[in-house]
Amino acid sequence: TEPHELARDIRSVVGEKGVMVIEHPSRNVIN
């Protein structure tokens, strides 16, 4: 799973002004 796919799955529980803090290998880029 790419980090941006994970972010998409998690987005449903993030509040309107919320922040996701994702730790990942530097080789993976989140866009």
PDB file of all heavy atoms in Angstrom:
ATOM      1  N   THR A   1       0.837  -1.196   0.000  1.00  0.00           N
ATOM      2  CA  THR A   1       0.000   0.000   0.000  1.00  0.00           C
ATOM      3  C   THR A   1       0.873   1.247   0.000  1.00  0.00           C
ATOM      4  O   THR A   1       1.761   1.376   0.836  1.00  0.00           O
ATOM      5  CB  THR A   1      -0.893   0.030   1.270  1.00  0.00           C
ATOM      6  OG1 THR A   1      -1.614  -1.203   1.343  1.00  0.00           O
ATOM      7  CG2 THR A   1      -1.853   1.186   1.242  1.00  0.00           C
ATOM      8  N   GLU A   2       0.621   2.147  -0.931  1.00  0.00           N
ATOM      9  CA  GLU A   2       1.343   3.415  -0.969  1.00  0.00           C
ATOM     10  C   GLU A   2       0.808   4.334   0.137  1.00  0.00           C
ATOM     11  O   GLU A   2      -0.377   4.264   0.476  1.00  0.00           O
ATOM     12  CB  GLU A   2       1.149   4.095  -2.328  1.00  0.00           C
ATOM     13  CG  GLU A   2       1.888   3.406  -3.456  1.00  0.00           C
ATOM     14  CD  GLU A   2       3.401   3.482  -3.305  1.00  0.00           C
ATOM     15  OE1 GLU A   2       3.927   4.519  -2.851  1.00  0.00           O
ATOM     16  OE2 GLU A   2       4.063   2.481  -3.632  1.00  0.00           O
ATOM     17  N   PRO A   3       1.665   5.204   0.687  1.00  0.00           N
ATOM     18  CA  PRO A   3       1.201   6.100   1.745  1.00  0.00           C
ATOM     19  C   PRO A   3      -0.011   6.954   1.356  1.00  0.00           C
ATOM     20  O   PRO A   3      -0.902   7.186   2.167  1.00  0.00           O
ATOM     21  CB  PRO A   3       2.420   6.986   2.034  1.00  0.00           C
ATOM     22  CG  PRO A   3       3.585   6.171   1.601  1.00  0.00           C
ATOM     23  CD  PRO A   3       3.094   5.350   0.449  1.00  0.00           C
ATOM     24  N   HIS A   4      -0.078   7.404   0.082  1.00  0.00           N
ATOM     25  CA  HIS A   4      -1.232   8.221  -0.323  1.00  0.00           C
ATOM     26  C   HIS A   4      -2.524   7.399  -0.366  1.00  0.00           C
ATOM     27  O   HIS A   4      -3.600   7.935  -0.137  1.00  0.00           O
ATOM     28  CB  HIS A   4      -0.988   8.955  -1.652  1.00  0.00           C
ATOM     29  CG  HIS A   4      -0.805   8.055  -2.824  1.00  0.00           C
ATOM     30  ND1 HIS A   4       0.415   7.545  -3.184  1.00  0.00           N
ATOM     31  CD2 HIS A   4      -1.698   7.577  -3.710  1.00  0.00           C
ATOM     32  CE1 HIS A   4       0.274   6.787  -4.254  1.00  0.00           C
ATOM     33  NE2 HIS A   4      -1.004   6.780  -4.593  1.00  0.00           N
ATOM     34  N   GLU A   5      -2.427   6.091  -0.630  1.00  0.00           N
ATOM     35  CA  GLU A   5      -3.611   5.223  -0.573  1.00  0.00           C
ATOM     36  C   GLU A   5      -4.081   5.083   0.874  1.00  0.00           C
ATOM     37  O   GLU A   5      -5.278   5.102   1.161  1.00  0.00           O
ATOM     38  CB  GLU A   5      -3.298   3.842  -1.152  1.00  0.00           C
ATOM     39  CG  GLU A   5      -2.995   3.854  -2.636  1.00  0.00           C
ATOM     40  CD  GLU A   5      -2.428   2.523  -3.129  1.00  0.00           C
ATOM     41  OE1 GLU A   5      -2.075   1.657  -2.294  1.00  0.00           O
ATOM     42  OE2 GLU A   5      -2.321   2.364  -4.351  1.00  0.00           O
ATOM     43  N   LEU A   6      -3.126   4.956   1.775  1.00  0.00           N
ATOM     44  CA  LEU A   6      -3.426   4.876   3.205  1.00  0.00           C
ATOM     45  C   LEU A   6      -4.104   6.176   3.653  1.00  0.00           C
ATOM     46  O   LEU A   6      -5.113   6.149   4.358  1.00  0.00           O
ATOM     47  CB  LEU A   6      -2.126   4.637   3.973  1.00  0.00           C
ATOM     48  CG  LEU A   6      -2.185   4.185   5.398  1.00  0.00           C
ATOM     49  CD1 LEU A   6      -3.034   2.928   5.564  1.00  0.00           C
ATOM     50  CD2 LEU A   6      -0.777   3.938   5.921  1.00  0.00           C
ATOM     51  N   ALA A   7      -3.574   7.307   3.206  1.00  0.00           N
ATOM     52  CA  ALA A   7      -4.158   8.615   3.549  1.00  0.00           C
ATOM     53  C   ALA A   7      -5.598   8.704   3.057  1.00  0.00           C
ATOM     54  O   ALA A   7      -6.477   9.211   3.763  1.00  0.00           O
ATOM     55  CB  ALA A   7      -3.318   9.744   2.957  1.00  0.00           C
ATOM     56  N   ARG A   8      -5.853   8.184   1.878  1.00  0.00           N
ATOM     57  CA  ARG A   8      -7.222   8.212   1.320  1.00  0.00           C
ATOM     58  C   ARG A   8      -8.170   7.399   2.199  1.00  0.00           C
ATOM     59  O   ARG A   8      -9.297   7.823   2.479  1.00  0.00           O
ATOM     60  CB  ARG A   8      -7.210   7.667  -0.113  1.00  0.00           C
ATOM     61  CG  ARG A   8      -8.556   7.791  -0.830  1.00  0.00           C
ATOM     62  CD  ARG A   8      -8.567   7.091  -2.179  1.00  0.00           C
ATOM     63  NE  ARG A   8      -8.282   5.679  -1.993  1.00  0.00           N
ATOM     64  CZ  ARG A   8      -7.353   5.011  -2.672  1.00  0.00           C
ATOM     65  NH1 ARG A   8      -6.596   5.603  -3.557  1.00  0.00           N
ATOM     66  NH2 ARG A   8      -7.155   3.723  -2.450  1.00  0.00           N
ATOM     67  N   ASP A   9      -7.713   6.251   2.683  1.00  0.00           N
ATOM     68  CA  ASP A   9      -8.541   5.408   3.550  1.00  0.00           C
ATOM     69  C   ASP A   9      -8.823   6.076   4.890  1.00  0.00           C
ATOM     70  O   ASP A   9      -9.902   5.942   5.460  1.00  0.00           O
ATOM     71  CB  ASP A   9      -7.856   4.062   3.804  1.00  0.00           C
ATOM     72  CG  ASP A   9      -7.747   3.190   2.565  1.00  0.00           C
ATOM     73  OD1 ASP A   9      -8.448   3.480   1.564  1.00  0.00           O
ATOM     74  OD2 ASP A   9      -6.943   2.244   2.579  1.00  0.00           O
ATOM     75  N   ILE A  10      -7.855   6.793   5.403  1.00  0.00           N
ATOM     76  CA  ILE A  10      -7.957   7.408   6.731  1.00  0.00           C
ATOM     77  C   ILE A  10      -8.760   8.705   6.704  1.00  0.00           C
ATOM     78  O   ILE A  10      -9.365   9.101   7.694  1.00  0.00           O
ATOM     79  CB  ILE A  10      -6.541   7.657   7.296  1.00  0.00           C
ATOM     80  CG1 ILE A  10      -5.841   6.318   7.502  1.00  0.00           C
ATOM     81  CG2 ILE A  10      -6.584   8.452   8.588  1.00  0.00           C
ATOM     82  CD1 ILE A  10      -4.350   6.427   7.697  1.00  0.00           C
ATOM     83  N   ARG A  11      -8.802   9.356   5.575  1.00  0.00           N
ATOM     84  CA  ARG A  11      -9.419  10.684   5.437  1.00  0.00           C
ATOM     85  C   ARG A  11     -10.838  10.754   5.996  1.00  0.00           C
ATOM     86  O   ARG A  11     -11.270  11.788   6.492  1.00  0.00           O
ATOM     87  CB  ARG A  11      -9.397  11.077   3.966  1.00  0.00           C
ATOM     88  CG  ARG A  11      -9.626  12.509   3.727  1.00  0.00           C
ATOM     89  CD  ARG A  11      -9.382  12.831   2.275  1.00  0.00           C
ATOM     90  NE  ARG A  11      -9.663  14.236   2.051  1.00  0.00           N
ATOM     91  CZ  ARG A  11      -9.429  14.863   0.944  1.00  0.00           C
ATOM     92  NH1 ARG A  11      -8.890  14.231  -0.064  1.00  0.00           N
ATOM     93  NH2 ARG A  11      -9.722  16.129   0.811  1.00  0.00           N
ATOM     94  N   SER A  12     -11.558   9.641   5.957  1.00  0.00           N
ATOM     95  CA  SER A  12     -12.958   9.638   6.409  1.00  0.00           C
ATOM     96  C   SER A  12     -13.106   9.913   7.906  1.00  0.00           C
ATOM     97  O   SER A  12     -14.184  10.275   8.353  1.00  0.00           O
ATOM     98  CB  SER A  12     -13.629   8.304   6.073  1.00  0.00           C
ATOM     99  OG  SER A  12     -13.047   7.260   6.837  1.00  0.00           O
ATOM    100  N   VAL A  13     -12.041   9.738   8.683  1.00  0.00           N
ATOM    101  CA  VAL A  13     -12.138   9.973  10.125  1.00  0.00           C
ATOM    102  C   VAL A  13     -11.406  11.244  10.570  1.00  0.00           C
ATOM    103  O   VAL A  13     -11.316  11.522  11.757  1.00  0.00           O
ATOM    104  CB  VAL A  13     -11.633   8.757  10.950  1.00  0.00           C
ATOM    105  CG1 VAL A  13     -12.487   7.529  10.679  1.00  0.00           C
ATOM    106  CG2 VAL A  13     -10.160   8.488  10.721  1.00  0.00           C
ATOM    107  N   VAL A  14     -10.889  11.990   9.618  1.00  0.00           N
ATOM    108  CA  VAL A  14     -10.171  13.228   9.947  1.00  0.00           C
ATOM    109  C   VAL A  14     -11.157  14.386   9.922  1.00  0.00           C
ATOM    110  O   VAL A  14     -11.925  14.551   8.971  1.00  0.00           O
ATOM    111  CB  VAL A  14      -9.027  13.491   8.939  1.00  0.00           C
ATOM    112  CG1 VAL A  14      -8.307  14.801   9.261  1.00  0.00           C
ATOM    113  CG2 VAL A  14      -8.039  12.334   8.943  1.00  0.00           C
ATOM    114  N   GLY A  15     -11.155  15.171  10.981  1.00  0.00           N
ATOM    115  CA  GLY A  15     -12.026  16.329  11.067  1.00  0.00           C
ATOM    116  C   GLY A  15     -11.700  17.368  10.004  1.00  0.00           C
ATOM    117  O   GLY A  15     -10.654  17.308   9.344  1.00  0.00           O
ATOM    118  N   GLU A  16     -12.584  18.329   9.871  1.00  0.00           N
ATOM    119  CA  GLU A  16     -12.471  19.356   8.832  1.00  0.00           C
ATOM    120  C   GLU A  16     -11.122  20.085   8.861  1.00  0.00           C
ATOM    121  O   GLU A  16     -10.535  20.374   7.840  1.00  0.00           O
ATOM    122  CB  GLU A  16     -13.605  20.368   9.009  1.00  0.00           C
ATOM    123  CG  GLU A  16     -13.784  21.290   7.837  1.00  0.00           C
ATOM    124  CD  GLU A  16     -15.007  22.167   8.034  1.00  0.00           C
ATOM    125  OE1 GLU A  16     -16.107  21.600   8.209  1.00  0.00           O
ATOM    126  OE2 GLU A  16     -14.841  23.396   8.005  1.00  0.00           O
ATOM    127  N   LYS A  17     -10.635  20.386  10.038  1.00  0.00           N
ATOM    128  CA  LYS A  17      -9.352  21.092  10.163  1.00  0.00           C
ATOM    129  C   LYS A  17      -8.260  20.174  10.708  1.00  0.00           C
ATOM    130  O   LYS A  17      -7.239  20.642  11.212  1.00  0.00           O
ATOM    131  CB  LYS A  17      -9.516  22.313  11.061  1.00  0.00           C
ATOM    132  CG  LYS A  17     -10.468  23.335  10.487  1.00  0.00           C
ATOM    133  CD  LYS A  17     -10.461  24.599  11.306  1.00  0.00           C
ATOM    134  CE  LYS A  17     -11.544  25.536  10.886  1.00  0.00           C
ATOM    135  NZ  LYS A  17     -11.357  26.248   9.705  1.00  0.00           N
ATOM    136  N   GLY A  18      -8.477  18.877  10.603  1.00  0.00           N
ATOM    137  CA  GLY A  18      -7.547  17.898  11.156  1.00  0.00           C
ATOM    138  C   GLY A  18      -6.298  17.701  10.326  1.00  0.00           C
ATOM    139  O   GLY A  18      -6.198  18.139   9.184  1.00  0.00           O
ATOM    140  N   VAL A  19      -5.349  17.013  10.926  1.00  0.00           N
ATOM    141  CA  VAL A  19      -4.078  16.706  10.271  1.00  0.00           C
ATOM    142  C   VAL A  19      -3.771  15.221  10.425  1.00  0.00           C
ATOM    143  O   VAL A  19      -4.012  14.638  11.476  1.00  0.00           O
ATOM    144  CB  VAL A  19      -2.925  17.578  10.844  1.00  0.00           C
ATOM    145  CG1 VAL A  19      -2.733  17.337  12.326  1.00  0.00           C
ATOM    146  CG2 VAL A  19      -1.624  17.351  10.091  1.00  0.00           C
ATOM    147  N   MET A  20      -3.277  14.617   9.344  1.00  0.00           N
ATOM    148  CA  MET A  20      -2.752  13.255   9.383  1.00  0.00           C
ATOM    149  C   MET A  20      -1.237  13.367   9.446  1.00  0.00           C
ATOM    150  O   MET A  20      -0.642  14.123   8.673  1.00  0.00           O
ATOM    151  CB  MET A  20      -3.118  12.486   8.110  1.00  0.00           C
ATOM    152  CG  MET A  20      -4.527  12.006   8.041  1.00  0.00           C
ATOM    153  SD  MET A  20      -4.804  11.069   6.509  1.00  0.00           S
ATOM    154  CE  MET A  20      -5.466  12.366   5.459  1.00  0.00           C
ATOM    155  N   VAL A  21      -0.632  12.626  10.334  1.00  0.00           N
ATOM    156  CA  VAL A  21       0.819  12.606  10.467  1.00  0.00           C
ATOM    157  C   VAL A  21       1.252  11.187  10.119  1.00  0.00           C
ATOM    158  O   VAL A  21       1.015  10.259  10.896  1.00  0.00           O
ATOM    159  CB  VAL A  21       1.261  12.980  11.901  1.00  0.00           C
ATOM    160  CG1 VAL A  21       2.773  12.981  12.004  1.00  0.00           C
ATOM    161  CG2 VAL A  21       0.672  14.331  12.301  1.00  0.00           C
ATOM    162  N   ILE A  22       1.837  11.029   8.930  1.00  0.00           N
ATOM    163  CA  ILE A  22       2.164   9.696   8.426  1.00  0.00           C
ATOM    164  C   ILE A  22       3.677   9.509   8.383  1.00  0.00           C
ATOM    165  O   ILE A  22       4.389  10.249   7.710  1.00  0.00           O
ATOM    166  CB  ILE A  22       1.564   9.475   7.019  1.00  0.00           C
ATOM    167  CG1 ILE A  22       0.044   9.651   7.058  1.00  0.00           C
ATOM    168  CG2 ILE A  22       1.948   8.094   6.494  1.00  0.00           C
ATOM    169  CD1 ILE A  22      -0.638   9.484   5.720  1.00  0.00           C
ATOM    170  N   GLU A  23       4.149   8.506   9.120  1.00  0.00           N
ATOM    171  CA  GLU A  23       5.561   8.142   9.079  1.00  0.00           C
ATOM    172  C   GLU A  23       5.719   7.064   8.016  1.00  0.00           C
ATOM    173  O   GLU A  23       4.953   6.090   7.980  1.00  0.00           O
ATOM    174  CB  GLU A  23       5.999   7.631  10.456  1.00  0.00           C
ATOM    175  CG  GLU A  23       7.495   7.481  10.580  1.00  0.00           C
ATOM    176  CD  GLU A  23       7.948   7.184  12.007  1.00  0.00           C
ATOM    177  OE1 GLU A  23       7.304   7.649  12.961  1.00  0.00           O
ATOM    178  OE2 GLU A  23       8.956   6.471  12.134  1.00  0.00           O
ATOM    179  N   HIS A  24       6.714   7.251   7.143  1.00  0.00           N
ATOM    180  CA  HIS A  24       6.897   6.312   6.035  1.00  0.00           C
ATOM    181  C   HIS A  24       8.355   6.311   5.576  1.00  0.00           C
ATOM    182  O   HIS A  24       9.105   7.244   5.896  1.00  0.00           O
ATOM    183  CB  HIS A  24       5.955   6.672   4.873  1.00  0.00           C
ATOM    184  CG  HIS A  24       6.121   8.075   4.366  1.00  0.00           C
ATOM    185  ND1 HIS A  24       6.969   8.405   3.348  1.00  0.00           N
ATOM    186  CD2 HIS A  24       5.542   9.245   4.758  1.00  0.00           C
ATOM    187  CE1 HIS A  24       6.910   9.701   3.117  1.00  0.00           C
ATOM    188  NE2 HIS A  24       6.049  10.243   3.960  1.00  0.00           N
ATOM    189  N   PRO A  25       8.742   5.268   4.818  1.00  0.00           N
ATOM    190  CA  PRO A  25      10.104   5.265   4.272  1.00  0.00           C
ATOM    191  C   PRO A  25      10.289   6.470   3.345  1.00  0.00           C
ATOM    192  O   PRO A  25       9.370   6.828   2.597  1.00  0.00           O
ATOM    193  CB  PRO A  25      10.182   3.954   3.487  1.00  0.00           C
ATOM    194  CG  PRO A  25       9.079   3.099   4.020  1.00  0.00           C
ATOM    195  CD  PRO A  25       8.011   4.044   4.461  1.00  0.00           C
ATOM    196  N   SER A  26      11.460   7.062   3.374  1.00  0.00           N
ATOM    197  CA  SER A  26      11.712   8.253   2.549  1.00  0.00           C
ATOM    198  C   SER A  26      11.570   7.972   1.058  1.00  0.00           C
ATOM    199  O   SER A  26      11.274   8.882   0.284  1.00  0.00           O
ATOM    200  CB  SER A  26      13.099   8.825   2.848  1.00  0.00           C
ATOM    201  OG  SER A  26      13.117   9.360   4.154  1.00  0.00           O
ATOM    202  N   ARG A  27      11.738   6.727   0.649  1.00  0.00           N
ATOM    203  CA  ARG A  27      11.605   6.392  -0.780  1.00  0.00           C
ATOM    204  C   ARG A  27      10.160   6.544  -1.266  1.00  0.00           C
ATOM    205  O   ARG A  27       9.916   6.692  -2.446  1.00  0.00           O
ATOM    206  CB  ARG A  27      12.137   4.992  -1.048  1.00  0.00           C
ATOM    207  CG  ARG A  27      11.270   3.882  -0.484  1.00  0.00           C
ATOM    208  CD  ARG A  27      11.810   2.486  -0.791  1.00  0.00           C
ATOM    209  NE  ARG A  27      10.963   1.483  -0.237  1.00  0.00           N
ATOM    210  CZ  ARG A  27      11.006   1.045   1.015  1.00  0.00           C
ATOM    211  NH1 ARG A  27      11.880   1.542   1.853  1.00  0.00           N
ATOM    212  NH2 ARG A  27      10.179   0.112   1.427  1.00  0.00           N
ATOM    213  N   ASN A  28       9.188   6.469  -0.352  1.00  0.00           N
ATOM    214  CA  ASN A  28       7.781   6.639  -0.708  1.00  0.00           C
ATOM    215  C   ASN A  28       7.421   8.121  -0.644  1.00  0.00           C
ATOM    216  O   ASN A  28       7.654   8.772   0.362  1.00  0.00           O
ATOM    217  CB  ASN A  28       6.861   5.884   0.264  1.00  0.00           C
ATOM    218  CG  ASN A  28       7.044   4.389   0.183  1.00  0.00           C
ATOM    219  OD1 ASN A  28       7.856   3.844   0.891  1.00  0.00           O
ATOM    220  ND2 ASN A  28       6.293   3.748  -0.671  1.00  0.00           N
ATOM    221  N   VAL A  29       6.850   8.616  -1.729  1.00  0.00           N
ATOM    222  CA  VAL A  29       6.455  10.024  -1.786  1.00  0.00           C
ATOM    223  C   VAL A  29       4.938  10.098  -1.704  1.00  0.00           C
ATOM    224  O   VAL A  29       4.235   9.315  -2.343  1.00  0.00           O
ATOM    225  CB  VAL A  29       6.946  10.674  -3.098  1.00  0.00           C
ATOM    226  CG1 VAL A  29       6.484  12.107  -3.208  1.00  0.00           C
ATOM    227  CG2 VAL A  29       8.466  10.586  -3.185  1.00  0.00           C
ATOM    228  N   ILE A  30       4.438  11.033  -0.905  1.00  0.00           N
ATOM    229  CA  ILE A  30       2.989  11.208  -0.797  1.00  0.00           C
ATOM    230  C   ILE A  30       2.583  12.389  -1.662  1.00  0.00           C
ATOM    231  O   ILE A  30       3.088  13.490  -1.499  1.00  0.00           O
ATOM    232  CB  ILE A  30       2.550  11.463   0.663  1.00  0.00           C
ATOM    233  CG1 ILE A  30       2.858  10.236   1.516  1.00  0.00           C
ATOM    234  CG2 ILE A  30       1.066  11.810   0.724  1.00  0.00           C
ATOM    235  CD1 ILE A  30       2.431  10.362   2.952  1.00  0.00           C
ATOM    236  N   ASN A  31       1.697  12.120  -2.597  1.00  0.00           N
ATOM    237  CA  ASN A  31       1.126  13.180  -3.425  1.00  0.00           C
ATOM    238  C   ASN A  31      -0.378  12.958  -3.478  1.00  0.00           C
ATOM    239  O   ASN A  31      -0.874  12.284  -4.336  1.00  0.00           O
ATOM    240  CB  ASN A  31       1.747  13.186  -4.824  1.00  0.00           C
ATOM    241  CG  ASN A  31       1.695  11.823  -5.492  1.00  0.00           C
ATOM    242  OD1 ASN A  31       1.233  10.852  -4.898  1.00  0.00           O
ATOM    243  ND2 ASN A  31       2.149  11.741  -6.715  1.00  0.00           N
TER     244      ASN A  31
END
